[in-house]
Amino acid sequence: MSEVVLLAGAQADLLELYTRFGERGYFLVVDELELIRKMPEIAPVYADPFRRRLVVGTPYGIFYSLAGKRIMVAAILDLRQDPRSILRRLGG
């Protein structure tokens, strides 16, 4: 089993998502993170080394990379924005 690590930016994103969508949105993300933990390669590569997993029922995606046994969650972003903004946020 892998360990999921939310980086500071992803923690802030999750708090913002909770503010906008409440507990329902929060638990949708938590469910996806659990699925990612069980199957780290479930999501396709978005921009190497980041993978993107859609959060069902929301316009959000979870962006993460694999580092050994750890899953490093870099961001949880609204996918309705310009893809260039997402890439900038991911550092690319």
C-alpha atoms as a PDB file:
ATOM      1  CA  MET A   1       0.000   0.000   0.000  1.00  0.00           C
ATOM      2  CA  SER A   2       1.103   3.538  -0.732  1.00  0.00           C
ATOM      3  CA  GLU A   3       1.088   6.606   1.487  1.00  0.00           C
ATOM      4  CA  VAL A   4      -0.730   9.719   0.240  1.00  0.00           C
ATOM      5  CA  VAL A   5       1.025  13.006   1.053  1.00  0.00           C
ATOM      6  CA  LEU A   6      -0.808  16.281   0.438  1.00  0.00           C
ATOM      7  CA  LEU A   7       1.679  19.046  -0.246  1.00  0.00           C
ATOM      8  CA  ALA A   8       0.923  22.510   1.158  1.00  0.00           C
ATOM      9  CA  GLY A   9      -0.712  23.727  -2.076  1.00  0.00           C
ATOM     10  CA  ALA A  10      -2.968  20.679  -2.233  1.00  0.00           C
ATOM     11  CA  GLN A  11      -3.983  21.177   1.400  1.00  0.00           C
ATOM     12  CA  ALA A  12      -4.985  24.759   0.598  1.00  0.00           C
ATOM     13  CA  ASP A  13      -6.877  23.547  -2.484  1.00  0.00           C
ATOM     14  CA  LEU A  14      -8.771  20.987  -0.398  1.00  0.00           C
ATOM     15  CA  LEU A  15      -9.747  23.652   2.130  1.00  0.00           C
ATOM     16  CA  GLU A  16     -11.017  25.886  -0.686  1.00  0.00           C
ATOM     17  CA  LEU A  17     -12.965  22.982  -2.176  1.00  0.00           C
ATOM     18  CA  TYR A  18     -14.511  22.273   1.240  1.00  0.00           C
ATOM     19  CA  THR A  19     -15.515  25.932   1.522  1.00  0.00           C
ATOM     20  CA  ARG A  20     -17.226  25.833  -1.888  1.00  0.00           C
ATOM     21  CA  PHE A  21     -18.791  22.344  -1.830  1.00  0.00           C
ATOM     22  CA  GLY A  22     -18.988  21.454   1.859  1.00  0.00           C
ATOM     23  CA  GLU A  23     -18.626  17.964   3.261  1.00  0.00           C
ATOM     24  CA  ARG A  24     -19.984  16.333   0.118  1.00  0.00           C
ATOM     25  CA  GLY A  25     -17.160  17.746  -2.029  1.00  0.00           C
ATOM     26  CA  TYR A  26     -14.580  16.984   0.627  1.00  0.00           C
ATOM     27  CA  PHE A  27     -15.594  13.341   0.888  1.00  0.00           C
ATOM     28  CA  LEU A  28     -15.675  12.951  -2.901  1.00  0.00           C
ATOM     29  CA  VAL A  29     -12.006  13.969  -2.916  1.00  0.00           C
ATOM     30  CA  VAL A  30     -11.204  11.700   0.036  1.00  0.00           C
ATOM     31  CA  ASP A  31     -12.814   8.762  -1.798  1.00  0.00           C
ATOM     32  CA  GLU A  32     -10.694   9.449  -4.895  1.00  0.00           C
ATOM     33  CA  LEU A  33      -7.541   9.754  -2.779  1.00  0.00           C
ATOM     34  CA  GLU A  34      -8.278   6.358  -1.248  1.00  0.00           C
ATOM     35  CA  LEU A  35      -8.697   4.864  -4.716  1.00  0.00           C
ATOM     36  CA  ILE A  36      -5.402   6.443  -5.790  1.00  0.00           C
ATOM     37  CA  ARG A  37      -3.738   5.054  -2.656  1.00  0.00           C
ATOM     38  CA  LYS A  38      -4.891   1.540  -3.541  1.00  0.00           C
ATOM     39  CA  MET A  39      -4.076   1.847  -7.248  1.00  0.00           C
ATOM     40  CA  PRO A  40      -1.483   4.616  -7.747  1.00  0.00           C
ATOM     41  CA  GLU A  41      -1.281   4.172 -11.512  1.00  0.00           C
ATOM     42  CA  ILE A  42      -5.050   4.397 -12.036  1.00  0.00           C
ATOM     43  CA  ALA A  43      -4.879   7.906 -13.505  1.00  0.00           C
ATOM     44  CA  PRO A  44      -3.259   8.777 -16.833  1.00  0.00           C
ATOM     45  CA  VAL A  45      -0.154  10.925 -17.026  1.00  0.00           C
ATOM     46  CA  TYR A  46      -1.177  14.555 -17.513  1.00  0.00           C
ATOM     47  CA  ALA A  47       2.195  16.294 -17.716  1.00  0.00           C
ATOM     48  CA  ASP A  48       5.130  14.146 -16.701  1.00  0.00           C
ATOM     49  CA  PRO A  49       5.597  13.383 -13.825  1.00  0.00           C
ATOM     50  CA  PHE A  50       2.042  14.369 -12.837  1.00  0.00           C
ATOM     51  CA  ARG A  51      -1.023  12.198 -13.182  1.00  0.00           C
ATOM     52  CA  ARG A  52      -4.567  13.575 -13.114  1.00  0.00           C
ATOM     53  CA  ARG A  53      -7.529  11.839 -11.499  1.00  0.00           C
ATOM     54  CA  LEU A  54     -10.959  13.366 -12.021  1.00  0.00           C
ATOM     55  CA  VAL A  55     -13.115  13.857  -8.947  1.00  0.00           C
ATOM     56  CA  VAL A  56     -16.484  12.444  -9.969  1.00  0.00           C
ATOM     57  CA  GLY A  57     -19.360  14.835  -9.336  1.00  0.00           C
ATOM     58  CA  THR A  58     -17.166  17.943  -9.304  1.00  0.00           C
ATOM     59  CA  PRO A  59     -15.211  19.988 -11.864  1.00  0.00           C
ATOM     60  CA  TYR A  60     -11.982  19.176  -9.977  1.00  0.00           C
ATOM     61  CA  GLY A  61      -8.972  17.031 -10.701  1.00  0.00           C
ATOM     62  CA  ILE A  62      -6.309  15.653  -8.384  1.00  0.00           C
ATOM     63  CA  PHE A  63      -2.771  16.128  -9.684  1.00  0.00           C
ATOM     64  CA  TYR A  64      -0.174  13.837  -8.169  1.00  0.00           C
ATOM     65  CA  SER A  65       3.151  12.153  -8.804  1.00  0.00           C
ATOM     66  CA  LEU A  66       4.626   8.894  -7.604  1.00  0.00           C
ATOM     67  CA  ALA A  67       7.763   8.874  -5.473  1.00  0.00           C
ATOM     68  CA  GLY A  68       8.598   5.353  -4.400  1.00  0.00           C
ATOM     69  CA  LYS A  69       5.865   4.213  -2.024  1.00  0.00           C
ATOM     70  CA  ARG A  70       4.545   7.758  -1.669  1.00  0.00           C
ATOM     71  CA  ILE A  71       1.883   9.529  -3.671  1.00  0.00           C
ATOM     72  CA  MET A  72       2.674  13.231  -3.660  1.00  0.00           C
ATOM     73  CA  VAL A  73      -0.498  15.274  -4.256  1.00  0.00           C
ATOM     74  CA  ALA A  74       0.590  18.608  -5.699  1.00  0.00           C
ATOM     75  CA  ALA A  75      -2.778  20.192  -6.405  1.00  0.00           C
ATOM     76  CA  ILE A  76      -6.549  19.737  -6.455  1.00  0.00           C
ATOM     77  CA  LEU A  77      -7.709  22.128  -9.160  1.00  0.00           C
ATOM     78  CA  ASP A  78     -10.831  23.250 -10.959  1.00  0.00           C
ATOM     79  CA  LEU A  79     -10.462  21.869 -14.476  1.00  0.00           C
ATOM     80  CA  ARG A  80     -12.550  24.629 -16.063  1.00  0.00           C
ATOM     81  CA  GLN A  81      -9.557  26.965 -16.121  1.00  0.00           C
ATOM     82  CA  ASP A  82      -7.023  27.473 -18.893  1.00  0.00           C
ATOM     83  CA  PRO A  83      -4.764  24.379 -19.075  1.00  0.00           C
ATOM     84  CA  ARG A  84      -1.742  26.708 -19.157  1.00  0.00           C
ATOM     85  CA  SER A  85      -2.722  27.940 -15.679  1.00  0.00           C
ATOM     86  CA  ILE A  86      -2.773  24.358 -14.446  1.00  0.00           C
ATOM     87  CA  LEU A  87       0.669  23.690 -15.926  1.00  0.00           C
ATOM     88  CA  ARG A  88       2.036  26.854 -14.316  1.00  0.00           C
ATOM     89  CA  ARG A  89       0.637  25.762 -10.968  1.00  0.00           C
ATOM     90  CA  LEU A  90       2.300  22.380 -11.376  1.00  0.00           C
ATOM     91  CA  GLY A  91       5.579  24.135 -12.059  1.00  0.00           C
ATOM     92  CA  GLY A  92       5.809  23.495 -15.776  1.00  0.00           C
END
